[in-house]
C-alpha atoms as a PDB file:
ATOM      1  CA  UNK A   1      61.215  20.950   7.334  1.00  0.00           C
ATOM      2  CA  UNK A   2      63.852  21.193   4.627  1.00  0.00           C
ATOM      3  CA  UNK A   3      64.700  24.745   5.779  1.00  0.00           C
ATOM      4  CA  UNK A   4      65.169  23.557   9.378  1.00  0.00           C
ATOM      5  CA  UNK A   5      67.555  20.791   8.251  1.00  0.00           C
ATOM      6  CA  UNK A   6      69.683  23.300   6.326  1.00  0.00           C
ATOM      7  CA  UNK A   7      69.683  25.630   9.316  1.00  0.00           C
ATOM      8  CA  UNK A   8      70.852  22.881  11.656  1.00  0.00           C
ATOM      9  CA  UNK A   9      73.603  21.930   9.211  1.00  0.00           C
ATOM     10  CA  UNK A  10      74.866  25.523   8.995  1.00  0.00           C
ATOM     11  CA  UNK A  11      74.668  25.870  12.776  1.00  0.00           C
ATOM     12  CA  UNK A  12      76.770  22.741  13.300  1.00  0.00           C
ATOM     13  CA  UNK A  13      79.336  23.931  10.754  1.00  0.00           C
ATOM     14  CA  UNK A  14      79.565  27.319  12.470  1.00  0.00           C
ATOM     15  CA  UNK A  15      79.812  25.687  15.900  1.00  0.00           C
ATOM     16  CA  UNK A  16      82.649  23.409  14.765  1.00  0.00           C
ATOM     17  CA  UNK A  17      84.486  26.346  13.191  1.00  0.00           C
ATOM     18  CA  UNK A  18      84.110  28.540  16.281  1.00  0.00           C
ATOM     19  CA  UNK A  19      85.311  25.709  18.561  1.00  0.00           C
ATOM     20  CA  UNK A  20      88.301  25.099  16.300  1.00  0.00           C
ATOM     21  CA  UNK A  21      89.255  28.794  16.358  1.00  0.00           C
ATOM     22  CA  UNK A  22      88.677  28.974  20.088  1.00  0.00           C
ATOM     23  CA  UNK A  23      91.246  26.281  20.838  1.00  0.00           C
ATOM     24  CA  UNK A  24      93.644  26.574  17.892  1.00  0.00           C
ATOM     25  CA  UNK A  25      96.187  28.567  19.908  1.00  0.00           C
ATOM     26  CA  UNK A  26      95.987  26.299  22.943  1.00  0.00           C
ATOM     27  CA  UNK A  27      98.117  23.216  23.569  1.00  0.00           C
ATOM     28  CA  UNK A  28      95.896  20.271  24.363  1.00  0.00           C
ATOM     29  CA  UNK A  29      97.378  18.003  27.016  1.00  0.00           C
ATOM     30  CA  UNK A  30      96.232  14.447  27.604  1.00  0.00           C
ATOM     31  CA  UNK A  31      96.391  12.744  30.976  1.00  0.00           C
ATOM     32  CA  UNK A  32      97.112   9.038  30.590  1.00  0.00           C
ATOM     33  CA  UNK A  33      95.947   6.707  33.338  1.00  0.00           C
ATOM     34  CA  UNK A  34      98.843   5.655  35.540  1.00  0.00           C
ATOM     35  CA  UNK A  35     100.984   8.656  34.566  1.00  0.00           C
ATOM     36  CA  UNK A  36     101.292  11.830  36.645  1.00  0.00           C
ATOM     37  CA  UNK A  37     102.525  14.023  33.787  1.00  0.00           C
ATOM     38  CA  UNK A  38     100.160  15.075  30.984  1.00  0.00           C
ATOM     39  CA  UNK A  39     101.283  14.557  27.401  1.00  0.00           C
ATOM     40  CA  UNK A  40     100.545  16.228  24.064  1.00  0.00           C
ATOM     41  CA  UNK A  41     100.146  12.869  22.337  1.00  0.00           C
ATOM     42  CA  UNK A  42      99.383   9.228  22.966  1.00  0.00           C
ATOM     43  CA  UNK A  43     101.912   6.569  22.012  1.00  0.00           C
ATOM     44  CA  UNK A  44     100.067   3.675  20.424  1.00  0.00           C
ATOM     45  CA  UNK A  45     101.502   0.214  19.877  1.00  0.00           C
ATOM     46  CA  UNK A  46     102.328  -0.538  16.287  1.00  0.00           C
ATOM     47  CA  UNK A  47     100.236  -3.289  14.745  1.00  0.00           C
ATOM     48  CA  UNK A  48     100.601  -5.140  11.469  1.00  0.00           C
ATOM     49  CA  UNK A  49      97.486  -5.860   9.453  1.00  0.00           C
ATOM     50  CA  UNK A  50      97.742  -8.592   6.858  1.00  0.00           C
ATOM     51  CA  UNK A  51      95.335  -8.921   3.943  1.00  0.00           C
ATOM     52  CA  UNK A  52      93.155 -12.014   3.863  1.00  0.00           C
ATOM     53  CA  UNK A  53      94.717 -15.000   2.127  1.00  0.00           C
ATOM     54  CA  UNK A  54      93.380 -15.815  -1.316  1.00  0.00           C
ATOM     55  CA  UNK A  55      93.863 -19.311  -2.725  1.00  0.00           C
ATOM     56  CA  UNK A  56      93.616 -20.401  -6.347  1.00  0.00           C
ATOM     57  CA  UNK A  57      91.930 -23.659  -5.408  1.00  0.00           C
ATOM     58  CA  UNK A  58      91.065 -25.919  -2.501  1.00  0.00           C
ATOM     59  CA  UNK A  59      94.312 -27.882  -2.913  1.00  0.00           C
ATOM     60  CA  UNK A  60      96.414 -24.746  -2.307  1.00  0.00           C
ATOM     61  CA  UNK A  61      94.301 -23.914   0.744  1.00  0.00           C
ATOM     62  CA  UNK A  62      94.761 -27.374   2.232  1.00  0.00           C
ATOM     63  CA  UNK A  63      98.512 -27.272   1.536  1.00  0.00           C
ATOM     64  CA  UNK A  64      98.852 -23.880   3.251  1.00  0.00           C
ATOM     65  CA  UNK A  65      97.097 -24.986   6.419  1.00  0.00           C
ATOM     66  CA  UNK A  66      99.084 -28.226   6.578  1.00  0.00           C
ATOM     67  CA  UNK A  67     102.311 -26.198   6.331  1.00  0.00           C
ATOM     68  CA  UNK A  68     100.968 -23.801   8.949  1.00  0.00           C
ATOM     69  CA  UNK A  69     100.299 -26.588  11.448  1.00  0.00           C
ATOM     70  CA  UNK A  70     103.705 -28.173  10.915  1.00  0.00           C
ATOM     71  CA  UNK A  71     105.592 -24.870  10.960  1.00  0.00           C
ATOM     72  CA  UNK A  72     104.081 -23.726  14.255  1.00  0.00           C
ATOM     73  CA  UNK A  73     104.806 -27.162  15.725  1.00  0.00           C
ATOM     74  CA  UNK A  74     108.539 -27.207  14.964  1.00  0.00           C
ATOM     75  CA  UNK A  75     109.316 -23.474  15.142  1.00  0.00           C
ATOM     76  CA  UNK A  76     110.093 -23.539  18.911  1.00  0.00           C
ATOM     77  CA  UNK A  77     112.844 -26.102  18.232  1.00  0.00           C
ATOM     78  CA  UNK A  78     114.447 -23.722  15.717  1.00  0.00           C
ATOM     79  CA  UNK A  79     114.327 -20.937  18.306  1.00  0.00           C
ATOM     80  CA  UNK A  80     115.959 -23.255  20.841  1.00  0.00           C
ATOM     81  CA  UNK A  81     118.703 -24.174  18.366  1.00  0.00           C
ATOM     82  CA  UNK A  82     119.399 -20.488  17.726  1.00  0.00           C
ATOM     83  CA  UNK A  83     119.608 -19.710  21.459  1.00  0.00           C
ATOM     84  CA  UNK A  84     121.877 -22.668  22.174  1.00  0.00           C
ATOM     85  CA  UNK A  85     124.152 -21.702  19.278  1.00  0.00           C
ATOM     86  CA  UNK A  86     124.367 -18.107  20.531  1.00  0.00           C
ATOM     87  CA  UNK A  87     125.277 -19.314  24.036  1.00  0.00           C
ATOM     88  CA  UNK A  88     127.808 -21.743  22.613  1.00  0.00           C
ATOM     89  CA  UNK A  89     129.489 -19.087  20.463  1.00  0.00           C
ATOM     90  CA  UNK A  90     129.755 -16.786  23.475  1.00  0.00           C
ATOM     91  CA  UNK A  91     131.379 -19.382  25.709  1.00  0.00           C
ATOM     92  CA  UNK A  92     133.695 -21.178  23.277  1.00  0.00           C
ATOM     93  CA  UNK A  93     136.116 -18.203  22.892  1.00  0.00           C
ATOM     94  CA  UNK A  94     136.525 -18.227  26.672  1.00  0.00           C
ATOM     95  CA  UNK A  95     137.795 -21.821  26.537  1.00  0.00           C
ATOM     96  CA  UNK A  96     141.395 -21.728  25.337  1.00  0.00           C
ATOM     97  CA  UNK A  97     142.139 -25.440  25.257  1.00  0.00           C
ATOM     98  CA  UNK A  98     140.988 -27.153  22.022  1.00  0.00           C
ATOM     99  CA  UNK A  99     140.200 -30.436  23.759  1.00  0.00           C
ATOM    100  CA  UNK A 100     138.068 -28.653  26.345  1.00  0.00           C
ATOM    101  CA  UNK A 101     136.193 -26.832  23.589  1.00  0.00           C
ATOM    102  CA  UNK A 102     135.391 -30.156  21.953  1.00  0.00           C
ATOM    103  CA  UNK A 103     134.322 -31.614  25.273  1.00  0.00           C
ATOM    104  CA  UNK A 104     132.071 -28.656  26.041  1.00  0.00           C
ATOM    105  CA  UNK A 105     130.451 -28.873  22.609  1.00  0.00           C
ATOM    106  CA  UNK A 106     129.679 -32.560  23.203  1.00  0.00           C
ATOM    107  CA  UNK A 107     128.147 -31.736  26.587  1.00  0.00           C
ATOM    108  CA  UNK A 108     125.797 -29.189  25.009  1.00  0.00           C
ATOM    109  CA  UNK A 109     124.897 -31.627  22.229  1.00  0.00           C
ATOM    110  CA  UNK A 110     124.108 -34.418  24.695  1.00  0.00           C
ATOM    111  CA  UNK A 111     122.094 -32.045  26.870  1.00  0.00           C
ATOM    112  CA  UNK A 112     119.880 -31.018  23.939  1.00  0.00           C
ATOM    113  CA  UNK A 113     119.559 -34.622  22.774  1.00  0.00           C
ATOM    114  CA  UNK A 114     118.593 -35.852  26.241  1.00  0.00           C
ATOM    115  CA  UNK A 115     116.097 -33.045  26.791  1.00  0.00           C
ATOM    116  CA  UNK A 116     114.269 -33.123  23.463  1.00  0.00           C
ATOM    117  CA  UNK A 117     115.148 -36.344  21.629  1.00  0.00           C
ATOM    118  CA  UNK A 118     111.825 -38.009  22.473  1.00  0.00           C
ATOM    119  CA  UNK A 119     109.860 -35.101  20.997  1.00  0.00           C
ATOM    120  CA  UNK A 120     112.077 -34.821  17.923  1.00  0.00           C
ATOM    121  CA  UNK A 121     111.694 -38.525  17.176  1.00  0.00           C
ATOM    122  CA  UNK A 122     107.936 -37.994  16.872  1.00  0.00           C
ATOM    123  CA  UNK A 123     108.329 -35.540  14.000  1.00  0.00           C
ATOM    124  CA  UNK A 124     107.302 -36.635  10.529  1.00  0.00           C
ATOM    125  CA  UNK A 125     109.699 -36.373   7.591  1.00  0.00           C
ATOM    126  CA  UNK A 126     108.129 -33.141   6.341  1.00  0.00           C
ATOM    127  CA  UNK A 127     108.134 -31.660   9.848  1.00  0.00           C
ATOM    128  CA  UNK A 128     111.814 -32.540  10.169  1.00  0.00           C
ATOM    129  CA  UNK A 129     112.614 -30.912   6.828  1.00  0.00           C
ATOM    130  CA  UNK A 130     110.712 -27.752   7.787  1.00  0.00           C
ATOM    131  CA  UNK A 131     112.637 -27.683  11.073  1.00  0.00           C
ATOM    132  CA  UNK A 132     115.934 -27.854   9.160  1.00  0.00           C
ATOM    133  CA  UNK A 133     114.818 -24.897   7.038  1.00  0.00           C
ATOM    134  CA  UNK A 134     113.789 -22.924  10.110  1.00  0.00           C
ATOM    135  CA  UNK A 135     117.143 -23.562  11.798  1.00  0.00           C
ATOM    136  CA  UNK A 136     118.733 -21.966   8.735  1.00  0.00           C
ATOM    137  CA  UNK A 137     116.258 -19.070   9.019  1.00  0.00           C
ATOM    138  CA  UNK A 138     117.128 -18.431  12.661  1.00  0.00           C
ATOM    139  CA  UNK A 139     120.889 -19.053  12.588  1.00  0.00           C
ATOM    140  CA  UNK A 140     121.856 -18.080   9.049  1.00  0.00           C
ATOM    141  CA  UNK A 141     123.532 -21.459   8.525  1.00  0.00           C
ATOM    142  CA  UNK A 142     122.304 -24.817   7.281  1.00  0.00           C
ATOM    143  CA  UNK A 143     122.258 -27.710   9.745  1.00  0.00           C
ATOM    144  CA  UNK A 144     125.067 -29.348   7.769  1.00  0.00           C
ATOM    145  CA  UNK A 145     127.307 -26.297   8.135  1.00  0.00           C
ATOM    146  CA  UNK A 146     126.518 -26.005  11.838  1.00  0.00           C
ATOM    147  CA  UNK A 147     127.505 -29.621  12.496  1.00  0.00           C
ATOM    148  CA  UNK A 148     130.656 -29.244  10.404  1.00  0.00           C
ATOM    149  CA  UNK A 149     131.665 -26.090  12.273  1.00  0.00           C
ATOM    150  CA  UNK A 150     130.859 -27.289  15.797  1.00  0.00           C
ATOM    151  CA  UNK A 151     132.021 -30.887  15.394  1.00  0.00           C
ATOM    152  CA  UNK A 152     133.864 -31.841  12.203  1.00  0.00           C
ATOM    153  CA  UNK A 153     133.394 -32.581   8.533  1.00  0.00           C
ATOM    154  CA  UNK A 154     133.214 -36.345   9.054  1.00  0.00           C
ATOM    155  CA  UNK A 155     130.415 -36.030  11.612  1.00  0.00           C
ATOM    156  CA  UNK A 156     128.506 -33.676   9.308  1.00  0.00           C
ATOM    157  CA  UNK A 157     128.894 -36.129   6.424  1.00  0.00           C
ATOM    158  CA  UNK A 158     127.739 -39.041   8.604  1.00  0.00           C
ATOM    159  CA  UNK A 159     124.643 -37.201   9.831  1.00  0.00           C
ATOM    160  CA  UNK A 160     123.872 -36.024   6.318  1.00  0.00           C
ATOM    161  CA  UNK A 161     124.124 -39.554   4.915  1.00  0.00           C
ATOM    162  CA  UNK A 162     121.861 -40.887   7.666  1.00  0.00           C
ATOM    163  CA  UNK A 163     119.299 -38.148   7.047  1.00  0.00           C
ATOM    164  CA  UNK A 164     119.212 -38.990   3.329  1.00  0.00           C
ATOM    165  CA  UNK A 165     117.945 -42.473   4.222  1.00  0.00           C
ATOM    166  CA  UNK A 166     114.815 -40.727   5.501  1.00  0.00           C
ATOM    167  CA  UNK A 167     114.688 -38.443   2.468  1.00  0.00           C
ATOM    168  CA  UNK A 168     115.809 -35.413   4.519  1.00  0.00           C
ATOM    169  CA  UNK A 169     118.549 -33.007   3.479  1.00  0.00           C
ATOM    170  CA  UNK A 170     120.652 -31.322   6.171  1.00  0.00           C
ATOM    171  CA  UNK A 171     121.936 -28.957   3.487  1.00  0.00           C
ATOM    172  CA  UNK A 172     118.465 -27.607   2.738  1.00  0.00           C
ATOM    173  CA  UNK A 173     118.496 -23.794   2.816  1.00  0.00           C
ATOM    174  CA  UNK A 174     115.606 -21.486   3.608  1.00  0.00           C
ATOM    175  CA  UNK A 175     114.610 -19.379   0.610  1.00  0.00           C
ATOM    176  CA  UNK A 176     111.331 -17.442   1.093  1.00  0.00           C
ATOM    177  CA  UNK A 177     111.920 -15.572  -2.164  1.00  0.00           C
ATOM    178  CA  UNK A 178     112.111 -18.369  -4.705  1.00  0.00           C
ATOM    179  CA  UNK A 179     110.651 -21.475  -3.028  1.00  0.00           C
ATOM    180  CA  UNK A 180     106.846 -21.583  -2.788  1.00  0.00           C
ATOM    181  CA  UNK A 181     106.798 -23.666   0.401  1.00  0.00           C
ATOM    182  CA  UNK A 182     109.197 -21.260   2.116  1.00  0.00           C
ATOM    183  CA  UNK A 183     107.028 -18.322   1.063  1.00  0.00           C
ATOM    184  CA  UNK A 184     104.138 -19.989   2.889  1.00  0.00           C
ATOM    185  CA  UNK A 185     106.275 -20.733   5.940  1.00  0.00           C
ATOM    186  CA  UNK A 186     107.388 -17.103   6.168  1.00  0.00           C
ATOM    187  CA  UNK A 187     103.797 -15.921   5.833  1.00  0.00           C
ATOM    188  CA  UNK A 188     102.697 -18.281   8.624  1.00  0.00           C
ATOM    189  CA  UNK A 189     105.416 -17.063  10.995  1.00  0.00           C
ATOM    190  CA  UNK A 190     104.822 -13.360  10.337  1.00  0.00           C
ATOM    191  CA  UNK A 191     101.067 -13.693  10.784  1.00  0.00           C
ATOM    192  CA  UNK A 192     101.558 -15.703  13.982  1.00  0.00           C
ATOM    193  CA  UNK A 193     103.841 -13.012  15.402  1.00  0.00           C
ATOM    194  CA  UNK A 194     101.348 -10.321  14.407  1.00  0.00           C
ATOM    195  CA  UNK A 195      98.353 -11.951  16.091  1.00  0.00           C
ATOM    196  CA  UNK A 196     100.516 -13.194  19.003  1.00  0.00           C
ATOM    197  CA  UNK A 197      99.608 -16.828  18.438  1.00  0.00           C
ATOM    198  CA  UNK A 198     103.248 -17.834  18.008  1.00  0.00           C
ATOM    199  CA  UNK A 199     104.614 -20.296  20.551  1.00  0.00           C
ATOM    200  CA  UNK A 200     108.287 -19.884  21.398  1.00  0.00           C
ATOM    201  CA  UNK A 201     108.568 -22.117  24.443  1.00  0.00           C
ATOM    202  CA  UNK A 202     108.715 -25.898  24.512  1.00  0.00           C
ATOM    203  CA  UNK A 203     107.719 -26.058  28.169  1.00  0.00           C
ATOM    204  CA  UNK A 204     104.627 -28.124  28.659  1.00  0.00           C
ATOM    205  CA  UNK A 205     101.786 -26.411  30.527  1.00  0.00           C
END
């Protein structure tokens, strides 16, 4: 029985070797469904695999999942802010008159406020602060700087003072290198993009 097992092993090795030599000089073409032209290779979609998350204790685990829930909730608003800012920056140079630029900026501001103010008012303080960080992540500027640039310094100061009453800072920057909370936020967003669970639209289904 042992001799037969060795024989089968040698036979399989020889068979594999002979098949390899038989086709080594041939180009193998692959026909992909839906394509009429065969290809020498298959293009696969790139995927990102993250290691499982390890927590030091139950408190860290709870904190991470709280941040995850809040981050995924407010992230679409940060995306919206980035899109609106991009549109605004494209159109403002086309408006030559300073007064008209100011008027157009107010129109955009009122449109956003009218469309999403009810939802934004429902955010908790921590959700609001995370949103401010994410706006910085998506636009490269703090909320304070955006208001100062698009409106004026006085308006930025007024909004900032009002936000401080609710213990929120409009000058808060996003720093996923040095701030532990921001490290978690970045991890949440990257994992959500990887597993396609990220929600980018605020449209209600």
